[in-house]
Amino acid sequence: MTDTAMAATALGKRFGRRGGWALRDCTFQLPAGRVCAVVGPNGAGKSTLLFLAAGLLAPTEGTVTVLGTDPASARSRVGYVAQDKPLFPQLSIAETLRVGADLNPGRWDAATAERIVSAGELDPKRKIRALSGGQRTRVALALALGKRPELLLLDEPMADLDPLARHELMGTLMSQAAQHGTTIAMSSHVVAELEDSCDHLLLVGGGQVRLAGEIEDLIAAHARVSVTTEPSEPSEPAGTPADLSPHTVVESRVTGRQLTALIRPAGRLPDGWRTAPPSLEELVLSYLRNPQAASLTPAHREEAAA
């Protein structure tokens, strides 16, 4: 076992010689045993990152390692569920699970796979082509978890599930992480879907990792502040972002005499400022709305310390 489930150094992926960069200069480490939210808008590079970690794409530049080795070498220890949940449509559910057992000798957990399927009240004799999108998702997750992976990569896994099924399957994932120490990296553009379940965050925006680390640490590193300002001139209110110097400003706005901002404090804040920790959703949305805001990752922390 390794202490790091997934790591990237200056990782980049470009499609075609003249194509754009889906990812560029991404550096992060995901410790083993974490449940990681990989969040960002559509087209941000989340799926590309998971494809690279699963060994289904080769990097254009930089490196990615999985469970202490290259993705191809770790494939038997990694579970991956893509957005489109590709399954053989002509097979039945029972036949699909038998294929999973045949492809994973010595690792297959038939009880877990069958329990996930039966919780959805699915007839094992039904063909995959006859299933709804949500039912296909359940079978795909049964295959991935039946493999008993050390690292589970999930690309928008809950998008086509109803709220009750999402809650039930999220509980199954959390149980897997708790019982077996499985590291889970789960992408989504719906932050609220992951907020109560994840303890680590990778925020991807514009093809780069903008935030990376333990969610508690990232929230503690920020503050939502509100300041009532006094006008410096009769016709001109104070309270511009410059008033927040020397703190790192992620987002700020002035409404009348009220200045509100999300900042990374560089020291003690004035007593007159009203402060509160941001929610995870506030934190993520502020960075996504302001792509010019300085990123916060372990690599950036090391640069600041130097």
C-alpha atoms as a PDB file:
ATOM      1  CA  MET A   1       0.000   0.000   0.000  1.00  0.00           C
ATOM      2  CA  THR A   2       1.148   3.567  -0.682  1.00  0.00           C
ATOM      3  CA  ASP A   3       0.304   6.755   1.218  1.00  0.00           C
ATOM      4  CA  THR A   4      -0.529   8.500  -2.066  1.00  0.00           C
ATOM      5  CA  ALA A   5      -3.389   7.228  -4.211  1.00  0.00           C
ATOM      6  CA  MET A   6      -2.859   9.587  -7.132  1.00  0.00           C
ATOM      7  CA  ALA A   7      -0.271  12.246  -7.934  1.00  0.00           C
ATOM      8  CA  ALA A   8       0.456  14.509 -10.884  1.00  0.00           C
ATOM      9  CA  THR A   9       3.454  16.671 -11.713  1.00  0.00           C
ATOM     10  CA  ALA A  10       3.167  19.344 -14.427  1.00  0.00           C
ATOM     11  CA  LEU A  11       0.541  17.125 -16.061  1.00  0.00           C
ATOM     12  CA  GLY A  12      -0.859  18.257 -19.385  1.00  0.00           C
ATOM     13  CA  LYS A  13      -2.992  16.824 -22.168  1.00  0.00           C
ATOM     14  CA  ARG A  14      -3.510  18.309 -25.607  1.00  0.00           C
ATOM     15  CA  PHE A  15      -5.689  16.706 -28.271  1.00  0.00           C
ATOM     16  CA  GLY A  16      -4.098  16.874 -31.711  1.00  0.00           C
ATOM     17  CA  ARG A  17      -1.017  18.810 -32.756  1.00  0.00           C
ATOM     18  CA  ARG A  18      -2.962  22.022 -33.088  1.00  0.00           C
ATOM     19  CA  GLY A  19      -5.701  21.262 -30.574  1.00  0.00           C
ATOM     20  CA  GLY A  20      -6.262  23.099 -27.344  1.00  0.00           C
ATOM     21  CA  TRP A  21      -5.007  21.967 -23.965  1.00  0.00           C
ATOM     22  CA  ALA A  22      -7.614  20.073 -21.976  1.00  0.00           C
ATOM     23  CA  LEU A  23      -5.225  20.133 -19.000  1.00  0.00           C
ATOM     24  CA  ARG A  24      -2.012  22.088 -18.484  1.00  0.00           C
ATOM     25  CA  ASP A  25       0.592  22.195 -15.717  1.00  0.00           C
ATOM     26  CA  CYS A  26      -1.480  20.272 -13.143  1.00  0.00           C
ATOM     27  CA  THR A  27       0.367  19.312  -9.961  1.00  0.00           C
ATOM     28  CA  PHE A  28      -1.342  17.708  -6.953  1.00  0.00           C
ATOM     29  CA  GLN A  29      -1.323  14.734  -4.586  1.00  0.00           C
ATOM     30  CA  LEU A  30      -4.357  12.776  -3.407  1.00  0.00           C
ATOM     31  CA  PRO A  31      -3.598  10.902  -0.157  1.00  0.00           C
ATOM     32  CA  ALA A  32      -4.808   7.330   0.121  1.00  0.00           C
ATOM     33  CA  GLY A  33      -8.077   6.706   1.921  1.00  0.00           C
ATOM     34  CA  ARG A  34      -9.703  10.017   0.988  1.00  0.00           C
ATOM     35  CA  VAL A  35     -13.039  10.655  -0.686  1.00  0.00           C
ATOM     36  CA  CYS A  36     -12.160  13.374  -3.171  1.00  0.00           C
ATOM     37  CA  ALA A  37     -14.538  15.723  -4.966  1.00  0.00           C
ATOM     38  CA  VAL A  38     -13.234  16.606  -8.430  1.00  0.00           C
ATOM     39  CA  VAL A  39     -15.332  19.650  -9.253  1.00  0.00           C
ATOM     40  CA  GLY A  40     -15.515  22.253 -11.968  1.00  0.00           C
ATOM     41  CA  PRO A  41     -17.746  23.370 -14.839  1.00  0.00           C
ATOM     42  CA  ASN A  42     -18.405  21.287 -17.925  1.00  0.00           C
ATOM     43  CA  GLY A  43     -15.348  21.288 -20.167  1.00  0.00           C
ATOM     44  CA  ALA A  44     -12.961  22.155 -17.333  1.00  0.00           C
ATOM     45  CA  GLY A  45     -10.830  19.018 -17.772  1.00  0.00           C
ATOM     46  CA  LYS A  46     -12.286  16.745 -15.075  1.00  0.00           C
ATOM     47  CA  SER A  47     -13.002  13.831 -17.400  1.00  0.00           C
ATOM     48  CA  THR A  48      -9.589  14.153 -19.047  1.00  0.00           C
ATOM     49  CA  LEU A  49      -7.909  14.010 -15.649  1.00  0.00           C
ATOM     50  CA  LEU A  50      -9.765  10.824 -14.719  1.00  0.00           C
ATOM     51  CA  PHE A  51      -9.039   9.290 -18.136  1.00  0.00           C
ATOM     52  CA  LEU A  52      -5.334   9.918 -17.580  1.00  0.00           C
ATOM     53  CA  ALA A  53      -5.466   8.404 -14.087  1.00  0.00           C
ATOM     54  CA  ALA A  54      -7.295   5.348 -15.431  1.00  0.00           C
ATOM     55  CA  GLY A  55      -4.593   4.828 -18.060  1.00  0.00           C
ATOM     56  CA  LEU A  56      -7.001   5.365 -20.951  1.00  0.00           C
ATOM     57  CA  LEU A  57      -5.063   8.388 -22.223  1.00  0.00           C
ATOM     58  CA  ALA A  58      -1.355   9.176 -22.297  1.00  0.00           C
ATOM     59  CA  PRO A  59      -0.165  12.590 -21.080  1.00  0.00           C
ATOM     60  CA  THR A  60       1.171  15.101 -23.566  1.00  0.00           C
ATOM     61  CA  GLU A  61       3.510  16.399 -20.891  1.00  0.00           C
ATOM     62  CA  GLY A  62       4.259  15.780 -17.236  1.00  0.00           C
ATOM     63  CA  THR A  63       3.454  12.637 -15.276  1.00  0.00           C
ATOM     64  CA  VAL A  64       0.606  10.998 -13.386  1.00  0.00           C
ATOM     65  CA  THR A  65       1.092   8.105 -10.977  1.00  0.00           C
ATOM     66  CA  VAL A  66      -1.569   5.879  -9.428  1.00  0.00           C
ATOM     67  CA  LEU A  67      -1.045   3.823  -6.267  1.00  0.00           C
ATOM     68  CA  GLY A  68       2.680   4.436  -6.496  1.00  0.00           C
ATOM     69  CA  THR A  69       3.123   3.314 -10.102  1.00  0.00           C
ATOM     70  CA  ASP A  70       2.059   4.192 -13.627  1.00  0.00           C
ATOM     71  CA  PRO A  71      -1.668   3.905 -14.453  1.00  0.00           C
ATOM     72  CA  ALA A  72      -1.234   0.901 -16.763  1.00  0.00           C
ATOM     73  CA  SER A  73       0.543  -1.106 -14.065  1.00  0.00           C
ATOM     74  CA  ALA A  74      -2.117  -0.233 -11.488  1.00  0.00           C
ATOM     75  CA  ARG A  75      -5.115  -1.055 -13.683  1.00  0.00           C
ATOM     76  CA  SER A  76      -6.063  -4.241 -11.831  1.00  0.00           C
ATOM     77  CA  ARG A  77      -6.303  -2.237  -8.575  1.00  0.00           C
ATOM     78  CA  VAL A  78      -8.324   0.655 -10.006  1.00  0.00           C
ATOM     79  CA  GLY A  79     -12.058   0.847 -10.678  1.00  0.00           C
ATOM     80  CA  TYR A  80     -13.328   3.345 -13.223  1.00  0.00           C
ATOM     81  CA  VAL A  81     -16.862   4.359 -14.220  1.00  0.00           C
ATOM     82  CA  ALA A  82     -17.096   6.693 -17.226  1.00  0.00           C
ATOM     83  CA  GLN A  83     -19.898   9.174 -17.818  1.00  0.00           C
ATOM     84  CA  ASP A  84     -21.533   7.020 -20.513  1.00  0.00           C
ATOM     85  CA  LYS A  85     -21.218   3.781 -18.453  1.00  0.00           C
ATOM     86  CA  PRO A  86     -20.211   1.574 -21.423  1.00  0.00           C
ATOM     87  CA  LEU A  87     -21.579  -1.951 -20.986  1.00  0.00           C
ATOM     88  CA  PHE A  88     -22.272  -4.789 -23.422  1.00  0.00           C
ATOM     89  CA  PRO A  89     -25.932  -4.214 -24.383  1.00  0.00           C
ATOM     90  CA  GLN A  90     -26.544  -7.801 -25.495  1.00  0.00           C
ATOM     91  CA  LEU A  91     -25.587  -9.277 -22.088  1.00  0.00           C
ATOM     92  CA  SER A  92     -27.912  -9.719 -19.139  1.00  0.00           C
ATOM     93  CA  ILE A  93     -27.112  -8.228 -15.748  1.00  0.00           C
ATOM     94  CA  ALA A  94     -26.107 -11.655 -14.421  1.00  0.00           C
ATOM     95  CA  GLU A  95     -23.854 -12.257 -17.428  1.00  0.00           C
ATOM     96  CA  THR A  96     -22.278  -8.828 -16.970  1.00  0.00           C
ATOM     97  CA  LEU A  97     -21.397  -9.626 -13.366  1.00  0.00           C
ATOM     98  CA  ARG A  98     -19.949 -12.988 -14.442  1.00  0.00           C
ATOM     99  CA  VAL A  99     -17.720 -11.134 -16.906  1.00  0.00           C
ATOM    100  CA  GLY A 100     -16.596  -8.936 -14.021  1.00  0.00           C
ATOM    101  CA  ALA A 101     -15.723 -12.029 -11.991  1.00  0.00           C
ATOM    102  CA  ASP A 102     -13.816 -13.602 -14.919  1.00  0.00           C
ATOM    103  CA  LEU A 103     -11.804 -10.410 -15.519  1.00  0.00           C
ATOM    104  CA  ASN A 104     -10.885  -9.997 -11.851  1.00  0.00           C
ATOM    105  CA  PRO A 105      -9.862 -13.414 -10.559  1.00  0.00           C
ATOM    106  CA  GLY A 106      -8.861 -13.411  -6.921  1.00  0.00           C
ATOM    107  CA  ARG A 107     -10.291  -9.928  -6.332  1.00  0.00           C
ATOM    108  CA  TRP A 108     -13.969 -10.252  -7.229  1.00  0.00           C
ATOM    109  CA  ASP A 109     -16.450  -9.524  -4.427  1.00  0.00           C
ATOM    110  CA  ALA A 110     -19.629 -11.160  -5.733  1.00  0.00           C
ATOM    111  CA  ALA A 111     -21.642 -10.351  -2.599  1.00  0.00           C
ATOM    112  CA  THR A 112     -21.034  -6.600  -2.938  1.00  0.00           C
ATOM    113  CA  ALA A 113     -21.838  -6.550  -6.656  1.00  0.00           C
ATOM    114  CA  GLU A 114     -25.036  -8.558  -6.208  1.00  0.00           C
ATOM    115  CA  ARG A 115     -26.133  -6.445  -3.250  1.00  0.00           C
ATOM    116  CA  ILE A 116     -25.864  -3.231  -5.283  1.00  0.00           C
ATOM    117  CA  VAL A 117     -27.905  -4.744  -8.110  1.00  0.00           C
ATOM    118  CA  SER A 118     -30.566  -6.210  -5.836  1.00  0.00           C
ATOM    119  CA  ALA A 119     -30.982  -2.907  -3.984  1.00  0.00           C
ATOM    120  CA  GLY A 120     -32.284  -1.493  -7.252  1.00  0.00           C
ATOM    121  CA  GLU A 121     -34.800  -4.357  -7.575  1.00  0.00           C
ATOM    122  CA  LEU A 122     -33.275  -5.352 -10.909  1.00  0.00           C
ATOM    123  CA  ASP A 123     -34.000  -8.737 -12.467  1.00  0.00           C
ATOM    124  CA  PRO A 124     -30.583 -10.375 -13.117  1.00  0.00           C
ATOM    125  CA  LYS A 125     -32.013 -11.813 -16.369  1.00  0.00           C
ATOM    126  CA  ARG A 126     -32.747  -8.392 -17.878  1.00  0.00           C
ATOM    127  CA  LYS A 127     -30.587  -7.311 -20.786  1.00  0.00           C
ATOM    128  CA  ILE A 128     -28.408  -4.230 -20.397  1.00  0.00           C
ATOM    129  CA  ARG A 129     -30.053  -2.658 -23.473  1.00  0.00           C
ATOM    130  CA  ALA A 130     -33.425  -2.761 -21.678  1.00  0.00           C
ATOM    131  CA  LEU A 131     -32.212  -0.762 -18.679  1.00  0.00           C
ATOM    132  CA  SER A 132     -32.779   2.926 -18.002  1.00  0.00           C
ATOM    133  CA  GLY A 133     -29.829   5.268 -17.606  1.00  0.00           C
ATOM    134  CA  GLY A 134     -30.061   5.102 -13.823  1.00  0.00           C
ATOM    135  CA  GLN A 135     -30.238   1.313 -13.866  1.00  0.00           C
ATOM    136  CA  ARG A 136     -27.157   1.121 -16.107  1.00  0.00           C
ATOM    137  CA  THR A 137     -25.358   3.339 -13.619  1.00  0.00           C
ATOM    138  CA  ARG A 138     -26.214   0.911 -10.834  1.00  0.00           C
ATOM    139  CA  VAL A 139     -24.826  -2.041 -12.804  1.00  0.00           C
ATOM    140  CA  ALA A 140     -21.679  -0.093 -13.716  1.00  0.00           C
ATOM    141  CA  LEU A 141     -21.090   0.764 -10.052  1.00  0.00           C
ATOM    142  CA  ALA A 142     -21.696  -2.875  -9.107  1.00  0.00           C
ATOM    143  CA  LEU A 143     -18.972  -3.889 -11.566  1.00  0.00           C
ATOM    144  CA  ALA A 144     -16.561  -1.257 -10.274  1.00  0.00           C
ATOM    145  CA  LEU A 145     -17.106  -2.032  -6.583  1.00  0.00           C
ATOM    146  CA  GLY A 146     -17.183  -5.784  -7.156  1.00  0.00           C
ATOM    147  CA  LYS A 147     -13.602  -5.441  -8.329  1.00  0.00           C
ATOM    148  CA  ARG A 148     -12.740  -4.340  -4.759  1.00  0.00           C
ATOM    149  CA  PRO A 149     -10.523  -1.503  -6.052  1.00  0.00           C
ATOM    150  CA  GLU A 150      -7.972   0.384  -3.999  1.00  0.00           C
ATOM    151  CA  LEU A 151      -8.769   3.507  -6.053  1.00  0.00           C
ATOM    152  CA  LEU A 152     -12.212   4.176  -7.507  1.00  0.00           C
ATOM    153  CA  LEU A 153     -12.535   6.821 -10.235  1.00  0.00           C
ATOM    154  CA  LEU A 154     -16.089   7.997 -10.920  1.00  0.00           C
ATOM    155  CA  ASP A 155     -16.926  10.482 -13.681  1.00  0.00           C
ATOM    156  CA  GLU A 156     -20.269  12.192 -12.984  1.00  0.00           C
ATOM    157  CA  PRO A 157     -21.596   8.944 -11.481  1.00  0.00           C
ATOM    158  CA  MET A 158     -24.905  10.246 -10.141  1.00  0.00           C
ATOM    159  CA  ALA A 159     -26.033  12.410 -13.040  1.00  0.00           C
ATOM    160  CA  ASP A 160     -28.861  10.124 -14.193  1.00  0.00           C
ATOM    161  CA  LEU A 161     -30.040   8.849 -10.800  1.00  0.00           C
ATOM    162  CA  ASP A 162     -33.111  10.011  -8.913  1.00  0.00           C
ATOM    163  CA  PRO A 163     -32.509  11.603  -5.466  1.00  0.00           C
ATOM    164  CA  LEU A 164     -33.362   8.432  -3.524  1.00  0.00           C
ATOM    165  CA  ALA A 165     -30.995   6.282  -5.609  1.00  0.00           C
ATOM    166  CA  ARG A 166     -28.252   8.925  -5.311  1.00  0.00           C
ATOM    167  CA  HIS A 167     -28.569   8.893  -1.536  1.00  0.00           C
ATOM    168  CA  GLU A 168     -28.520   5.100  -1.345  1.00  0.00           C
ATOM    169  CA  LEU A 169     -25.558   4.638  -3.696  1.00  0.00           C
ATOM    170  CA  MET A 170     -23.608   7.455  -2.047  1.00  0.00           C
ATOM    171  CA  GLY A 171     -24.071   5.585   1.234  1.00  0.00           C
ATOM    172  CA  THR A 172     -22.714   2.451  -0.446  1.00  0.00           C
ATOM    173  CA  LEU A 173     -19.649   4.354  -1.631  1.00  0.00           C
ATOM    174  CA  MET A 174     -19.014   5.804   1.824  1.00  0.00           C
ATOM    175  CA  SER A 175     -19.345   2.343   3.350  1.00  0.00           C
ATOM    176  CA  GLN A 176     -16.799   1.007   0.849  1.00  0.00           C
ATOM    177  CA  ALA A 177     -14.369   3.773   1.756  1.00  0.00           C
ATOM    178  CA  ALA A 178     -14.816   3.215   5.482  1.00  0.00           C
ATOM    179  CA  GLN A 179     -14.657  -0.602   5.466  1.00  0.00           C
ATOM    180  CA  HIS A 180     -11.917  -1.183   2.935  1.00  0.00           C
ATOM    181  CA  GLY A 181      -9.958   2.079   2.910  1.00  0.00           C
ATOM    182  CA  THR A 182     -10.879   2.651  -0.727  1.00  0.00           C
ATOM    183  CA  THR A 183      -9.783   5.998  -2.134  1.00  0.00           C
ATOM    184  CA  ILE A 184     -12.571   7.562  -4.195  1.00  0.00           C
ATOM    185  CA  ALA A 185     -12.168  10.387  -6.704  1.00  0.00           C
ATOM    186  CA  MET A 186     -15.585  11.492  -7.910  1.00  0.00           C
ATOM    187  CA  SER A 187     -16.170  14.229 -10.450  1.00  0.00           C
ATOM    188  CA  SER A 188     -19.221  16.453 -10.567  1.00  0.00           C
ATOM    189  CA  HIS A 189     -20.216  19.991 -11.433  1.00  0.00           C
ATOM    190  CA  VAL A 190     -22.877  19.884  -8.690  1.00  0.00           C
ATOM    191  CA  VAL A 191     -20.987  20.786  -5.507  1.00  0.00           C
ATOM    192  CA  ALA A 192     -23.958  20.263  -3.187  1.00  0.00           C
ATOM    193  CA  GLU A 193     -24.045  16.613  -4.290  1.00  0.00           C
ATOM    194  CA  LEU A 194     -20.589  16.000  -2.777  1.00  0.00           C
ATOM    195  CA  GLU A 195     -20.363  18.457   0.104  1.00  0.00           C
ATOM    196  CA  ASP A 196     -21.504  16.079   2.856  1.00  0.00           C
ATOM    197  CA  SER A 197     -19.516  13.081   1.654  1.00  0.00           C
ATOM    198  CA  CYS A 198     -16.056  14.247   0.575  1.00  0.00           C
ATOM    199  CA  ASP A 199     -13.055  15.229   2.671  1.00  0.00           C
ATOM    200  CA  HIS A 200     -10.669  16.257  -0.124  1.00  0.00           C
ATOM    201  CA  LEU A 201     -11.082  18.679  -3.038  1.00  0.00           C
ATOM    202  CA  LEU A 202      -9.631  19.075  -6.507  1.00  0.00           C
ATOM    203  CA  LEU A 203     -11.112  22.122  -8.202  1.00  0.00           C
ATOM    204  CA  VAL A 204     -10.400  22.115 -11.926  1.00  0.00           C
ATOM    205  CA  GLY A 205     -11.026  25.221 -13.982  1.00  0.00           C
ATOM    206  CA  GLY A 206      -9.736  26.217 -17.393  1.00  0.00           C
ATOM    207  CA  GLY A 207      -7.666  23.039 -17.601  1.00  0.00           C
ATOM    208  CA  GLN A 208      -5.756  23.730 -14.385  1.00  0.00           C
ATOM    209  CA  VAL A 209      -6.032  22.675 -10.759  1.00  0.00           C
ATOM    210  CA  ARG A 210      -7.179  25.815  -8.917  1.00  0.00           C
ATOM    211  CA  LEU A 211      -7.642  24.355  -5.424  1.00  0.00           C
ATOM    212  CA  ALA A 212      -6.289  21.124  -3.981  1.00  0.00           C
ATOM    213  CA  GLY A 213      -6.225  19.805  -0.436  1.00  0.00           C
ATOM    214  CA  GLU A 214      -8.277  18.722   2.539  1.00  0.00           C
ATOM    215  CA  ILE A 215     -11.642  20.501   2.479  1.00  0.00           C
ATOM    216  CA  GLU A 216     -11.378  21.523   6.141  1.00  0.00           C
ATOM    217  CA  ASP A 217      -7.948  23.082   5.507  1.00  0.00           C
ATOM    218  CA  LEU A 218      -9.104  24.917   2.391  1.00  0.00           C
ATOM    219  CA  ILE A 219     -12.142  26.373   4.156  1.00  0.00           C
ATOM    220  CA  ALA A 220     -10.000  27.361   7.163  1.00  0.00           C
ATOM    221  CA  ALA A 221      -7.598  29.176   4.815  1.00  0.00           C
ATOM    222  CA  HIS A 222     -10.396  31.494   3.620  1.00  0.00           C
ATOM    223  CA  ALA A 223     -12.755  33.961   5.212  1.00  0.00           C
ATOM    224  CA  ARG A 224     -15.950  35.617   4.064  1.00  0.00           C
ATOM    225  CA  VAL A 225     -15.742  39.226   5.240  1.00  0.00           C
ATOM    226  CA  SER A 226     -18.208  42.081   5.340  1.00  0.00           C
ATOM    227  CA  VAL A 227     -17.185  45.667   6.053  1.00  0.00           C
ATOM    228  CA  THR A 228     -19.220  48.839   6.354  1.00  0.00           C
ATOM    229  CA  THR A 229     -17.105  51.543   4.773  1.00  0.00           C
ATOM    230  CA  GLU A 230     -17.003  55.289   5.265  1.00  0.00           C
ATOM    231  CA  PRO A 231     -16.716  57.556   2.227  1.00  0.00           C
ATOM    232  CA  SER A 232     -13.255  59.136   1.836  1.00  0.00           C
ATOM    233  CA  GLU A 233     -14.761  61.864  -0.377  1.00  0.00           C
ATOM    234  CA  PRO A 234     -18.364  63.074  -0.387  1.00  0.00           C
ATOM    235  CA  SER A 235     -18.869  61.699  -3.900  1.00  0.00           C
ATOM    236  CA  GLU A 236     -16.688  58.604  -3.666  1.00  0.00           C
ATOM    237  CA  PRO A 237     -17.163  55.593  -1.371  1.00  0.00           C
ATOM    238  CA  ALA A 238     -14.218  53.773   0.091  1.00  0.00           C
ATOM    239  CA  GLY A 239     -14.175  50.011   0.297  1.00  0.00           C
ATOM    240  CA  THR A 240     -12.519  49.008  -2.974  1.00  0.00           C
ATOM    241  CA  PRO A 241     -10.587  45.730  -3.200  1.00  0.00           C
ATOM    242  CA  ALA A 242      -7.395  47.698  -2.410  1.00  0.00           C
ATOM    243  CA  ASP A 243      -8.721  48.124   1.150  1.00  0.00           C
ATOM    244  CA  LEU A 244      -8.230  44.359   1.566  1.00  0.00           C
ATOM    245  CA  SER A 245      -4.493  44.523   1.012  1.00  0.00           C
ATOM    246  CA  PRO A 246      -2.321  42.613   1.958  1.00  0.00           C
ATOM    247  CA  HIS A 247      -4.815  39.735   1.930  1.00  0.00           C
ATOM    248  CA  THR A 248      -5.312  37.570  -1.165  1.00  0.00           C
ATOM    249  CA  VAL A 249      -8.656  38.535  -2.667  1.00  0.00           C
ATOM    250  CA  VAL A 250     -10.594  35.793  -4.432  1.00  0.00           C
ATOM    251  CA  GLU A 251     -13.781  37.779  -4.971  1.00  0.00           C
ATOM    252  CA  SER A 252     -15.098  41.144  -3.782  1.00  0.00           C
ATOM    253  CA  ARG A 253     -17.956  43.485  -4.424  1.00  0.00           C
ATOM    254  CA  VAL A 254     -19.093  46.871  -3.138  1.00  0.00           C
ATOM    255  CA  THR A 255     -22.773  47.677  -2.725  1.00  0.00           C
ATOM    256  CA  GLY A 256     -23.333  51.175  -1.434  1.00  0.00           C
ATOM    257  CA  ARG A 257     -21.222  51.364   1.724  1.00  0.00           C
ATOM    258  CA  GLN A 258     -21.027  47.593   2.129  1.00  0.00           C
ATOM    259  CA  LEU A 259     -17.908  45.707   1.049  1.00  0.00           C
ATOM    260  CA  THR A 260     -18.165  41.901   0.947  1.00  0.00           C
ATOM    261  CA  ALA A 261     -15.333  39.621  -0.105  1.00  0.00           C
ATOM    262  CA  LEU A 262     -13.884  36.143   0.009  1.00  0.00           C
ATOM    263  CA  ILE A 263     -10.224  36.377   0.968  1.00  0.00           C
ATOM    264  CA  ARG A 264      -7.253  34.323   2.077  1.00  0.00           C
ATOM    265  CA  PRO A 265      -6.169  36.268   5.176  1.00  0.00           C
ATOM    266  CA  ALA A 266      -2.483  37.146   5.397  1.00  0.00           C
ATOM    267  CA  GLY A 267      -2.746  37.902   9.105  1.00  0.00           C
ATOM    268  CA  ARG A 268      -5.122  39.087  11.794  1.00  0.00           C
ATOM    269  CA  LEU A 269      -8.226  40.804  10.471  1.00  0.00           C
ATOM    270  CA  PRO A 270      -9.414  44.150  11.895  1.00  0.00           C
ATOM    271  CA  ASP A 271     -11.871  43.918  14.790  1.00  0.00           C
ATOM    272  CA  GLY A 272     -14.536  45.855  12.902  1.00  0.00           C
ATOM    273  CA  TRP A 273     -14.765  43.308  10.106  1.00  0.00           C
ATOM    274  CA  ARG A 274     -17.568  40.752  10.229  1.00  0.00           C
ATOM    275  CA  THR A 275     -16.133  37.370   9.293  1.00  0.00           C
ATOM    276  CA  ALA A 276     -17.418  33.852   8.724  1.00  0.00           C
ATOM    277  CA  PRO A 277     -16.035  30.711   7.105  1.00  0.00           C
ATOM    278  CA  PRO A 278     -17.337  30.091   3.579  1.00  0.00           C
ATOM    279  CA  SER A 279     -19.308  27.016   2.661  1.00  0.00           C
ATOM    280  CA  LEU A 280     -17.690  24.632   0.201  1.00  0.00           C
ATOM    281  CA  GLU A 281     -20.092  25.776  -2.501  1.00  0.00           C
ATOM    282  CA  GLU A 282     -19.269  29.454  -1.860  1.00  0.00           C
ATOM    283  CA  LEU A 283     -15.571  28.666  -2.029  1.00  0.00           C
ATOM    284  CA  VAL A 284     -15.834  26.759  -5.304  1.00  0.00           C
ATOM    285  CA  LEU A 285     -18.134  29.263  -7.016  1.00  0.00           C
ATOM    286  CA  SER A 286     -15.949  32.214  -6.024  1.00  0.00           C
ATOM    287  CA  TYR A 287     -12.892  30.651  -7.652  1.00  0.00           C
ATOM    288  CA  LEU A 288     -14.828  29.649 -10.757  1.00  0.00           C
ATOM    289  CA  ARG A 289     -16.296  33.143 -11.153  1.00  0.00           C
ATOM    290  CA  ASN A 290     -12.837  34.677 -10.821  1.00  0.00           C
ATOM    291  CA  PRO A 291     -10.327  32.702 -12.904  1.00  0.00           C
ATOM    292  CA  GLN A 292      -7.695  35.378 -12.255  1.00  0.00           C
ATOM    293  CA  ALA A 293      -7.671  34.626  -8.503  1.00  0.00           C
ATOM    294  CA  ALA A 294      -4.456  33.016  -7.297  1.00  0.00           C
ATOM    295  CA  SER A 295      -4.686  29.225  -7.042  1.00  0.00           C
ATOM    296  CA  LEU A 296      -4.145  27.383  -3.764  1.00  0.00           C
ATOM    297  CA  THR A 297      -2.504  23.970  -4.055  1.00  0.00           C
ATOM    298  CA  PRO A 298       0.400  22.280  -2.235  1.00  0.00           C
ATOM    299  CA  ALA A 299       2.684  23.420  -5.080  1.00  0.00           C
ATOM    300  CA  HIS A 300       1.610  27.047  -4.619  1.00  0.00           C
ATOM    301  CA  ARG A 301       2.083  26.775  -0.844  1.00  0.00           C
ATOM    302  CA  GLU A 302       5.641  25.565  -1.372  1.00  0.00           C
ATOM    303  CA  GLU A 303       6.361  28.446  -3.765  1.00  0.00           C
ATOM    304  CA  ALA A 304       4.967  30.957  -1.232  1.00  0.00           C
ATOM    305  CA  ALA A 305       7.051  29.470   1.574  1.00  0.00           C
ATOM    306  CA  ALA A 306      10.203  29.691  -0.549  1.00  0.00           C
END
